[in-house]
N, C-alpha and C. Protein backbone atom coordinates (compact mmCIF):
# COMPACT_ATOMS: atom_id res chain seq x y z
N MET A 1 86.88 103.60 112.40
CA MET A 1 88.25 103.59 111.77
C MET A 1 88.32 104.77 110.81
N ARG A 2 89.46 105.45 110.99
CA ARG A 2 89.83 106.58 110.03
C ARG A 2 90.05 106.03 108.61
N PRO A 3 89.73 106.88 107.59
CA PRO A 3 89.85 106.46 106.27
C PRO A 3 91.22 105.90 105.87
N ASP A 4 92.30 106.48 106.54
CA ASP A 4 93.71 106.10 106.27
C ASP A 4 94.24 105.12 107.31
N HIS A 5 93.47 104.65 108.16
CA HIS A 5 93.88 103.67 109.22
C HIS A 5 94.55 102.43 108.51
N TYR A 6 93.71 101.86 107.54
CA TYR A 6 94.14 100.63 106.89
C TYR A 6 95.45 100.79 106.26
N ASP A 7 95.79 101.97 105.80
CA ASP A 7 97.06 102.26 105.13
C ASP A 7 98.31 101.73 105.90
N SER A 8 98.13 101.85 107.27
CA SER A 8 99.35 101.70 108.18
C SER A 8 99.67 100.11 108.23
N PHE A 9 98.72 99.19 107.87
CA PHE A 9 99.08 97.78 107.82
C PHE A 9 98.71 97.06 106.60
N ALA A 10 98.46 97.86 105.56
CA ALA A 10 98.06 97.30 104.21
C ALA A 10 98.91 96.24 103.74
N HIS A 11 100.17 96.40 103.63
CA HIS A 11 101.14 95.53 102.94
C HIS A 11 101.18 94.26 103.73
N SER A 12 101.28 94.19 105.09
CA SER A 12 101.38 92.92 105.79
C SER A 12 100.03 92.23 105.71
N TYR A 13 98.95 92.93 105.75
CA TYR A 13 97.56 92.34 105.65
C TYR A 13 97.50 91.53 104.35
N SER A 14 97.87 92.29 103.24
CA SER A 14 97.86 91.67 101.90
C SER A 14 98.65 90.46 101.87
N ARG A 15 99.84 90.45 102.21
CA ARG A 15 100.66 89.25 102.30
C ARG A 15 100.00 88.05 102.97
N ASP A 16 99.55 88.39 104.20
CA ASP A 16 98.96 87.30 105.08
C ASP A 16 97.62 86.84 104.42
N ASN A 17 96.80 87.79 103.91
CA ASN A 17 95.57 87.37 103.37
C ASN A 17 95.57 86.62 102.05
N GLU A 18 96.45 86.91 101.30
CA GLU A 18 96.57 86.08 100.08
C GLU A 18 97.12 84.75 100.10
N SER A 19 97.91 84.45 101.16
CA SER A 19 98.53 83.13 101.28
C SER A 19 98.30 82.46 102.43
N GLY A 20 97.64 83.18 103.49
CA GLY A 20 97.30 82.44 104.87
C GLY A 20 96.26 81.41 104.66
N LEU A 21 96.52 80.33 105.58
CA LEU A 21 95.61 79.19 105.54
C LEU A 21 94.22 79.40 105.47
N PHE A 22 93.65 80.23 106.37
CA PHE A 22 92.22 80.35 106.48
C PHE A 22 91.75 81.11 105.26
N ASN A 23 92.32 82.22 104.91
CA ASN A 23 91.84 83.03 103.83
C ASN A 23 91.96 82.34 102.48
N ALA A 24 93.10 81.85 102.15
CA ALA A 24 93.40 81.24 100.83
C ALA A 24 92.71 79.99 100.62
N HIS A 25 92.56 79.15 101.73
CA HIS A 25 92.08 77.84 101.42
C HIS A 25 90.50 77.50 102.02
N TYR A 26 90.11 78.50 102.73
CA TYR A 26 88.72 78.26 103.39
C TYR A 26 87.77 79.48 103.04
N GLU A 27 88.04 80.62 103.58
CA GLU A 27 87.20 81.72 103.38
C GLU A 27 87.00 82.21 101.98
N ARG A 28 88.11 82.33 101.31
CA ARG A 28 87.89 82.83 99.94
C ARG A 28 87.25 81.78 98.97
N PRO A 29 87.55 80.61 98.98
CA PRO A 29 86.84 79.57 98.24
C PRO A 29 85.42 79.44 98.58
N ALA A 30 85.05 79.73 99.81
CA ALA A 30 83.63 79.62 100.36
C ALA A 30 82.89 80.83 99.76
N MET A 31 83.52 82.04 99.71
CA MET A 31 82.80 83.24 99.25
C MET A 31 82.64 83.01 97.70
N ILE A 32 83.54 82.52 97.03
CA ILE A 32 83.49 82.37 95.66
C ILE A 32 82.32 81.34 95.15
N ASN A 33 82.24 80.29 96.09
CA ASN A 33 81.16 79.36 95.88
C ASN A 33 79.81 79.88 96.23
N LEU A 34 79.68 80.78 97.26
CA LEU A 34 78.44 81.39 97.56
C LEU A 34 77.95 82.43 96.56
N ALA A 35 78.90 82.97 95.84
CA ALA A 35 78.61 84.05 94.92
C ALA A 35 77.88 83.29 93.68
N GLY A 36 78.20 82.14 93.42
CA GLY A 36 77.60 81.38 92.23
C GLY A 36 78.11 81.80 90.94
N GLU A 37 77.24 81.79 90.10
CA GLU A 37 77.70 82.15 88.67
C GLU A 37 77.78 83.72 88.54
N VAL A 38 78.99 84.17 88.30
CA VAL A 38 79.19 85.76 88.34
C VAL A 38 79.59 86.22 86.97
N HIS A 39 79.71 85.44 85.92
CA HIS A 39 80.10 85.79 84.65
C HIS A 39 79.09 86.84 84.05
N GLY A 40 79.67 88.16 83.73
CA GLY A 40 78.88 89.16 83.13
C GLY A 40 78.20 89.98 84.18
N ARG A 41 78.22 89.60 85.51
CA ARG A 41 77.47 90.34 86.59
C ARG A 41 78.36 91.38 87.16
N ARG A 42 77.82 92.49 87.57
CA ARG A 42 78.45 93.56 88.24
C ARG A 42 78.53 93.26 89.70
N VAL A 43 79.65 93.35 90.37
CA VAL A 43 80.02 93.10 91.71
C VAL A 43 80.67 94.15 92.46
N LEU A 44 80.25 94.61 93.60
CA LEU A 44 80.86 95.63 94.31
C LEU A 44 81.56 94.83 95.43
N ASP A 45 82.82 94.90 95.66
CA ASP A 45 83.60 94.36 96.77
C ASP A 45 84.02 95.46 97.61
N ALA A 46 83.21 96.00 98.46
CA ALA A 46 83.47 97.12 99.38
C ALA A 46 84.31 96.59 100.56
N GLY A 47 85.32 97.41 100.96
CA GLY A 47 86.11 96.95 101.94
C GLY A 47 86.94 95.69 101.56
N CYS A 48 87.50 95.72 100.29
CA CYS A 48 87.98 94.54 99.72
C CYS A 48 89.49 94.25 100.21
N GLY A 49 89.95 95.13 101.02
CA GLY A 49 91.43 94.77 101.47
C GLY A 49 92.33 94.89 100.33
N SER A 50 93.16 93.90 100.12
CA SER A 50 94.06 94.02 98.96
C SER A 50 93.48 93.49 97.69
N GLY A 51 92.29 93.02 97.68
CA GLY A 51 91.63 92.75 96.40
C GLY A 51 91.65 91.27 95.89
N ALA A 52 92.16 90.40 96.86
CA ALA A 52 92.28 88.88 96.41
C ALA A 52 90.99 88.32 95.97
N LEU A 53 89.80 88.54 96.67
CA LEU A 53 88.59 88.00 96.29
C LEU A 53 88.07 88.62 95.09
N SER A 54 88.31 90.00 94.96
CA SER A 54 87.94 90.65 93.65
C SER A 54 88.66 90.09 92.44
N CYS A 55 89.95 89.74 92.59
CA CYS A 55 90.66 89.16 91.43
C CYS A 55 90.09 87.65 91.19
N ALA A 56 89.67 86.98 92.13
CA ALA A 56 89.11 85.64 91.90
C ALA A 56 87.75 85.84 91.23
N LEU A 57 86.97 86.80 91.61
CA LEU A 57 85.73 87.00 90.89
C LEU A 57 85.90 87.51 89.50
N ARG A 58 86.98 88.34 89.26
CA ARG A 58 87.21 88.82 87.90
C ARG A 58 87.55 87.62 87.09
N ALA A 59 88.46 86.74 87.48
CA ALA A 59 88.76 85.45 86.74
C ALA A 59 87.54 84.64 86.35
N LYS A 60 86.38 84.79 87.24
CA LYS A 60 85.27 84.02 86.82
C LYS A 60 84.41 84.86 85.95
N GLY A 61 84.77 86.07 85.51
CA GLY A 61 84.05 86.81 84.49
C GLY A 61 83.19 87.89 85.15
N ALA A 62 83.29 88.27 86.42
CA ALA A 62 82.55 89.27 87.08
C ALA A 62 83.15 90.64 86.69
N LEU A 63 82.34 91.76 86.63
CA LEU A 63 82.73 93.00 86.40
C LEU A 63 82.88 93.61 87.75
N VAL A 64 84.08 93.79 88.41
CA VAL A 64 84.26 94.05 89.77
C VAL A 64 84.67 95.51 90.00
N THR A 65 83.91 96.20 90.86
CA THR A 65 84.33 97.47 91.40
C THR A 65 84.80 97.28 92.88
N THR A 66 85.88 97.96 93.21
CA THR A 66 86.45 97.75 94.41
C THR A 66 86.69 99.13 95.10
N SER A 67 87.06 99.11 96.38
CA SER A 67 87.33 100.28 97.16
C SER A 67 88.83 100.16 97.68
N LEU A 68 89.68 99.82 96.93
CA LEU A 68 91.06 99.61 97.34
C LEU A 68 91.67 100.89 97.90
N SER A 69 92.34 100.71 99.05
CA SER A 69 93.12 101.94 99.55
C SER A 69 94.29 102.30 98.74
N ARG A 70 94.78 103.42 98.88
CA ARG A 70 95.98 103.79 98.08
C ARG A 70 97.16 102.92 98.40
N SER A 71 97.27 102.54 99.64
CA SER A 71 98.40 101.63 100.09
C SER A 71 98.31 100.34 99.41
N CYS A 72 97.12 99.81 99.04
CA CYS A 72 97.11 98.57 98.45
C CYS A 72 97.24 98.63 96.95
N CYS A 73 97.34 99.74 96.39
CA CYS A 73 97.43 100.02 95.03
C CYS A 73 98.77 100.41 94.58
N THR A 74 99.25 100.04 93.36
CA THR A 74 100.47 100.67 92.91
C THR A 74 99.98 101.48 91.79
N THR A 75 100.80 102.67 91.45
CA THR A 75 100.39 103.60 90.44
C THR A 75 101.22 103.28 89.20
N SER A 76 100.51 102.98 88.14
CA SER A 76 101.25 102.82 86.94
C SER A 76 101.76 104.13 86.27
N ARG A 77 102.39 104.03 85.20
CA ARG A 77 102.98 105.34 84.62
C ARG A 77 101.95 106.27 84.14
N THR A 78 100.71 105.63 83.88
CA THR A 78 99.56 106.46 83.51
C THR A 78 98.77 107.12 84.58
N GLY A 79 99.24 106.80 85.80
CA GLY A 79 98.57 107.40 87.04
C GLY A 79 97.40 106.77 87.51
N ARG A 80 96.93 105.69 86.91
CA ARG A 80 95.92 104.84 87.36
C ARG A 80 96.31 103.86 88.30
N HIS A 81 95.48 103.38 89.23
CA HIS A 81 95.72 102.59 90.35
C HIS A 81 95.48 101.20 89.91
N ARG A 82 96.34 100.23 90.35
CA ARG A 82 96.07 98.85 89.97
C ARG A 82 96.07 97.91 91.24
N CYS A 83 95.20 96.92 91.10
CA CYS A 83 95.16 95.88 92.05
C CYS A 83 96.46 95.12 92.16
N PRO A 84 97.09 94.97 93.32
CA PRO A 84 98.36 94.25 93.40
C PRO A 84 98.27 92.78 93.17
N SER A 85 97.14 92.30 93.24
CA SER A 85 97.05 90.81 92.95
C SER A 85 96.96 90.44 91.44
N CYS A 86 96.17 91.18 90.76
CA CYS A 86 95.85 90.76 89.31
C CYS A 86 96.21 91.89 88.37
N GLY A 87 96.60 93.08 88.81
CA GLY A 87 96.99 94.22 87.93
C GLY A 87 95.88 94.96 87.37
N ALA A 88 94.59 94.49 87.64
CA ALA A 88 93.40 95.23 87.16
C ALA A 88 93.36 96.69 87.70
N SER A 89 92.89 97.55 86.87
CA SER A 89 92.62 98.91 87.40
C SER A 89 91.31 99.33 87.57
């Protein structure tokens, strides 16, 4: 896959991933459960799509680093990129 390939379908993927039955109610809760206690731990969420799992891990206290594509980020006035799900940069 080319580095910019994901950009072509990023917004529709994000919408479906965050609210879709499988991801929102089965896959993401299972991954969070498997991660166990993450408070204060450093987590790399490589290939994180729109960052829904990253946001859930941040909410549990993890220090998360992601590889969000530019299409899945919005640029704030400071020029930093932000997670569309939780606003983290």
